Amino acid sequence: MTARLEMLMDKIKCLESELIEELQKQEEEFSYEIRKRRVYFEKNIIIRHKEYAKRLFNYISDAPLKHIVSAPFIWMCLIPTLIIDVTISMYQIICFPIYGIPKVNRKDYIVYDRQYLHYLNLIEKINCAYCSYFNGLIGYIQEIAARTEQFWCPIKHAGHIKTLHSRYQKFINYGDAAVYRSEIEKIRHDFEDLE
């Protein structure tokens, strides 16, 4: 990796740390704390939040018809999502130890914490759980795919891609045949940054 790329990656990691730090300041601002992956609000905040909860009848009756009609199509996605989840998880459990790839920790990606928000009604909490699952699963799958790609094909693309996954910076430049042949085995097992 060139010095410029290393510098940019260091900047990105620094910005990510700053972002996490800034997001954690919300704990103080909104009077909650996290203990063992559970969110605790102060009692007076819970009382205030409950005042903002929309009753189920009002929530449903105020919903636009197009939202009600489209809801089954959103929820139909759950079936193939569950199949993908089981399949990719089995793949990781079976194959990662064979290749010597560190496993992806599922709970780092799929986070359920919106049920602690007392201003959400039951339907909103269920919808939030669905979105948390689906988006978290996409991140989980992307990380499994990134580690797999690092092992099997750690070559950067020639064209521009919209987003980079977490392992992309370790990949060999497109067209650099000499480095590919001399470094492939080293790169396949370069997961020290994950430990």
Protein backbone atom coordinates (compact mmCIF):
# COMPACT_ATOMS: atom_id res chain seq x y z
CA MET A 1 0.00 0.00 0.00
CA THR A 2 1.33 3.44 -0.86
CA ALA A 3 2.11 5.99 1.83
CA ARG A 4 -0.75 8.19 0.58
CA LEU A 5 -3.27 5.34 0.90
CA GLU A 6 -2.01 4.52 4.39
CA MET A 7 -2.37 8.17 5.35
CA LEU A 8 -5.94 8.28 4.02
CA MET A 9 -6.84 5.05 5.85
CA ASP A 10 -5.43 6.50 9.09
CA LYS A 11 -7.56 9.62 8.57
CA ILE A 12 -10.66 7.50 8.01
CA LYS A 13 -10.01 5.47 11.19
CA CYS A 14 -9.47 8.70 13.12
CA LEU A 15 -12.73 10.16 11.78
CA GLU A 16 -14.59 6.96 12.65
CA SER A 17 -13.28 7.21 16.22
CA GLU A 18 -14.39 10.84 16.41
CA LEU A 19 -17.81 9.91 15.04
CA ILE A 20 -18.27 7.16 17.64
CA GLU A 21 -17.18 9.54 20.38
CA GLU A 22 -19.63 12.19 19.17
CA LEU A 23 -22.48 9.69 18.95
CA GLN A 24 -21.78 8.54 22.49
CA LYS A 25 -22.27 12.10 23.71
CA GLN A 26 -25.96 11.53 22.95
CA GLU A 27 -26.09 9.30 26.00
CA GLU A 28 -25.62 12.35 28.19
CA GLU A 29 -27.84 14.64 26.12
CA PHE A 30 -30.80 12.26 26.10
CA SER A 31 -30.25 10.86 29.60
CA TYR A 32 -29.58 7.22 28.95
CA GLU A 33 -26.80 4.76 29.55
CA ILE A 34 -25.94 1.40 28.06
CA ARG A 35 -25.12 -1.56 30.29
CA LYS A 36 -24.62 -5.03 28.86
CA ARG A 37 -26.18 -4.02 25.52
CA ARG A 38 -29.34 -2.76 27.25
CA VAL A 39 -30.40 0.89 27.26
CA TYR A 40 -31.57 2.51 30.49
CA PHE A 41 -33.34 5.89 30.58
CA GLU A 42 -33.93 8.04 33.62
CA LYS A 43 -37.48 7.64 34.97
CA ASN A 44 -38.53 11.22 34.17
CA ILE A 45 -37.37 10.72 30.55
CA ILE A 46 -39.45 7.54 30.27
CA ILE A 47 -42.52 9.44 31.49
CA ARG A 48 -41.87 12.22 28.96
CA HIS A 49 -41.30 9.71 26.14
CA LYS A 50 -44.61 7.96 26.86
CA GLU A 51 -46.38 11.28 26.27
CA TYR A 52 -45.12 11.18 22.66
CA ALA A 53 -46.25 7.61 21.94
CA LYS A 54 -48.95 7.44 19.28
CA ARG A 55 -51.80 5.08 20.11
CA LEU A 56 -52.09 2.06 17.82
CA PHE A 57 -55.55 2.96 16.57
CA ASN A 58 -54.43 6.49 15.66
CA TYR A 59 -51.21 5.20 14.11
CA ILE A 60 -53.12 2.84 11.81
CA SER A 61 -55.97 5.23 11.02
CA ASP A 62 -53.55 8.07 10.22
CA ALA A 63 -51.38 5.87 7.97
CA PRO A 64 -51.62 6.64 4.25
CA LEU A 65 -53.35 3.85 2.33
CA LYS A 66 -50.25 3.34 0.15
CA HIS A 67 -48.24 2.49 3.29
CA ILE A 68 -50.77 -0.10 4.40
CA VAL A 69 -50.98 -1.65 0.89
CA SER A 70 -47.19 -1.79 0.48
CA ALA A 71 -46.48 -3.26 3.96
CA PRO A 72 -46.95 -6.92 2.91
CA PHE A 73 -44.33 -6.46 0.17
CA ILE A 74 -41.86 -5.10 2.70
CA TRP A 75 -42.50 -8.01 5.06
CA MET A 76 -42.31 -10.59 2.23
CA CYS A 77 -38.59 -9.78 2.04
CA LEU A 78 -38.18 -11.38 5.45
CA ILE A 79 -38.44 -14.94 4.06
CA PRO A 80 -35.48 -14.75 1.62
CA THR A 81 -33.59 -12.67 4.19
CA LEU A 82 -33.88 -15.44 6.77
CA ILE A 83 -32.70 -17.99 4.19
CA ILE A 84 -29.69 -15.80 3.29
CA ASP A 85 -28.94 -15.29 6.98
CA VAL A 86 -28.89 -19.03 7.72
CA THR A 87 -26.90 -19.81 4.56
CA ILE A 88 -24.21 -17.16 5.06
CA SER A 89 -23.90 -17.99 8.76
CA MET A 90 -23.44 -21.69 7.96
CA TYR A 91 -20.86 -20.78 5.31
CA GLN A 92 -18.87 -18.73 7.82
CA ILE A 93 -19.10 -21.39 10.58
CA ILE A 94 -17.91 -24.15 8.23
CA CYS A 95 -15.47 -22.41 5.88
CA PHE A 96 -13.76 -19.65 7.85
CA PRO A 97 -11.93 -22.08 10.18
CA ILE A 98 -10.78 -24.04 7.11
CA TYR A 99 -9.31 -20.90 5.51
CA GLY A 100 -8.02 -19.40 8.76
CA ILE A 101 -10.25 -16.34 8.41
CA PRO A 102 -11.43 -14.71 11.66
CA LYS A 103 -15.20 -15.04 12.11
CA VAL A 104 -17.46 -12.00 11.96
CA ASN A 105 -19.22 -11.31 15.25
CA ARG A 106 -22.91 -11.11 14.37
CA LYS A 107 -23.85 -8.96 17.38
CA ASP A 108 -21.50 -6.22 16.15
CA TYR A 109 -23.80 -5.74 13.16
CA ILE A 110 -27.31 -6.75 14.17
CA VAL A 111 -28.27 -4.50 17.05
CA TYR A 112 -31.69 -4.41 18.68
CA ASP A 113 -32.09 -1.44 20.99
CA ARG A 114 -35.04 0.60 19.73
CA GLN A 115 -37.50 -1.40 21.84
CA TYR A 116 -36.28 0.70 24.80
CA LEU A 117 -37.74 3.85 23.23
CA HIS A 118 -41.00 4.48 25.05
CA TYR A 119 -42.24 6.98 22.46
CA LEU A 120 -42.63 4.19 19.90
CA ASN A 121 -45.81 2.13 19.79
CA LEU A 122 -45.84 -1.65 19.23
CA ILE A 123 -46.02 -1.44 15.42
CA GLU A 124 -43.18 1.09 15.30
CA LYS A 125 -41.05 -1.14 17.55
CA ILE A 126 -41.71 -4.18 15.34
CA ASN A 127 -40.86 -2.16 12.23
CA CYS A 128 -37.69 -0.87 13.87
CA ALA A 129 -36.68 -4.42 14.80
CA TYR A 130 -37.19 -5.47 11.17
CA CYS A 131 -35.05 -2.60 9.88
CA SER A 132 -32.37 -3.26 12.51
CA TYR A 133 -32.27 -6.90 11.50
CA PHE A 134 -32.26 -6.30 7.76
CA ASN A 135 -29.69 -3.49 7.70
CA GLY A 136 -27.53 -5.18 10.31
CA LEU A 137 -27.64 -8.41 8.31
CA ILE A 138 -26.50 -6.56 5.18
CA GLY A 139 -23.49 -5.21 7.11
CA TYR A 140 -22.79 -8.66 8.55
CA ILE A 141 -22.95 -10.26 5.11
CA GLN A 142 -20.78 -7.52 3.61
CA GLU A 143 -18.08 -8.14 6.22
CA ILE A 144 -18.19 -11.91 5.63
CA ALA A 145 -17.96 -11.28 1.88
CA ALA A 146 -15.10 -8.79 2.37
CA ARG A 147 -13.05 -11.29 4.36
CA THR A 148 -13.83 -13.99 1.80
CA GLU A 149 -12.76 -11.69 -1.03
CA GLN A 150 -9.54 -10.87 0.80
CA PHE A 151 -8.75 -14.57 0.94
CA TRP A 152 -9.76 -15.55 -2.59
CA CYS A 153 -9.40 -12.47 -4.77
CA PRO A 154 -7.73 -9.49 -3.07
CA ILE A 155 -7.47 -7.36 -6.21
CA LYS A 156 -8.79 -3.81 -6.43
CA HIS A 157 -11.20 -3.00 -9.24
CA ALA A 158 -10.13 -1.03 -12.30
CA GLY A 159 -13.33 1.02 -12.30
CA HIS A 160 -14.66 3.27 -9.58
CA ILE A 161 -16.94 1.67 -7.03
CA LYS A 162 -19.41 3.58 -4.90
CA THR A 163 -18.45 2.16 -1.49
CA LEU A 164 -15.46 0.32 -0.14
CA HIS A 165 -15.72 -2.52 2.32
CA SER A 166 -13.52 -2.85 5.39
CA ARG A 167 -10.84 -5.06 3.78
CA TYR A 168 -10.44 -3.25 0.44
CA GLN A 169 -7.39 -1.21 1.45
CA LYS A 170 -5.40 -4.44 1.80
CA PHE A 171 -6.06 -5.47 -1.79
CA ILE A 172 -3.47 -5.45 -4.59
CA ASN A 173 -3.70 -2.81 -7.28
CA TYR A 174 -5.48 -3.85 -10.44
CA GLY A 175 -2.98 -4.98 -13.07
CA ASP A 176 -0.04 -5.44 -10.68
CA ALA A 177 0.75 -9.06 -11.61
CA ALA A 178 4.17 -9.18 -9.92
CA VAL A 179 2.83 -8.06 -6.53
CA TYR A 180 -0.16 -10.39 -6.89
CA ARG A 181 2.05 -13.45 -7.32
CA SER A 182 4.57 -12.43 -4.66
CA GLU A 183 2.11 -11.15 -1.99
CA ILE A 184 -1.06 -13.22 -2.44
CA GLU A 185 -0.37 -15.69 0.38
CA LYS A 186 0.59 -12.92 2.79
CA ILE A 187 -2.53 -10.88 2.00
CA ARG A 188 -4.79 -13.93 2.30
CA HIS A 189 -3.84 -14.23 5.96
CA ASP A 190 -3.40 -10.55 6.86
CA PHE A 191 -6.13 -10.22 9.49
CA GLU A 192 -3.98 -8.98 12.39
CA ASP A 193 -5.92 -5.71 12.49
CA LEU A 194 -9.04 -7.66 13.55
CA GLU A 195 -7.50 -9.23 16.65
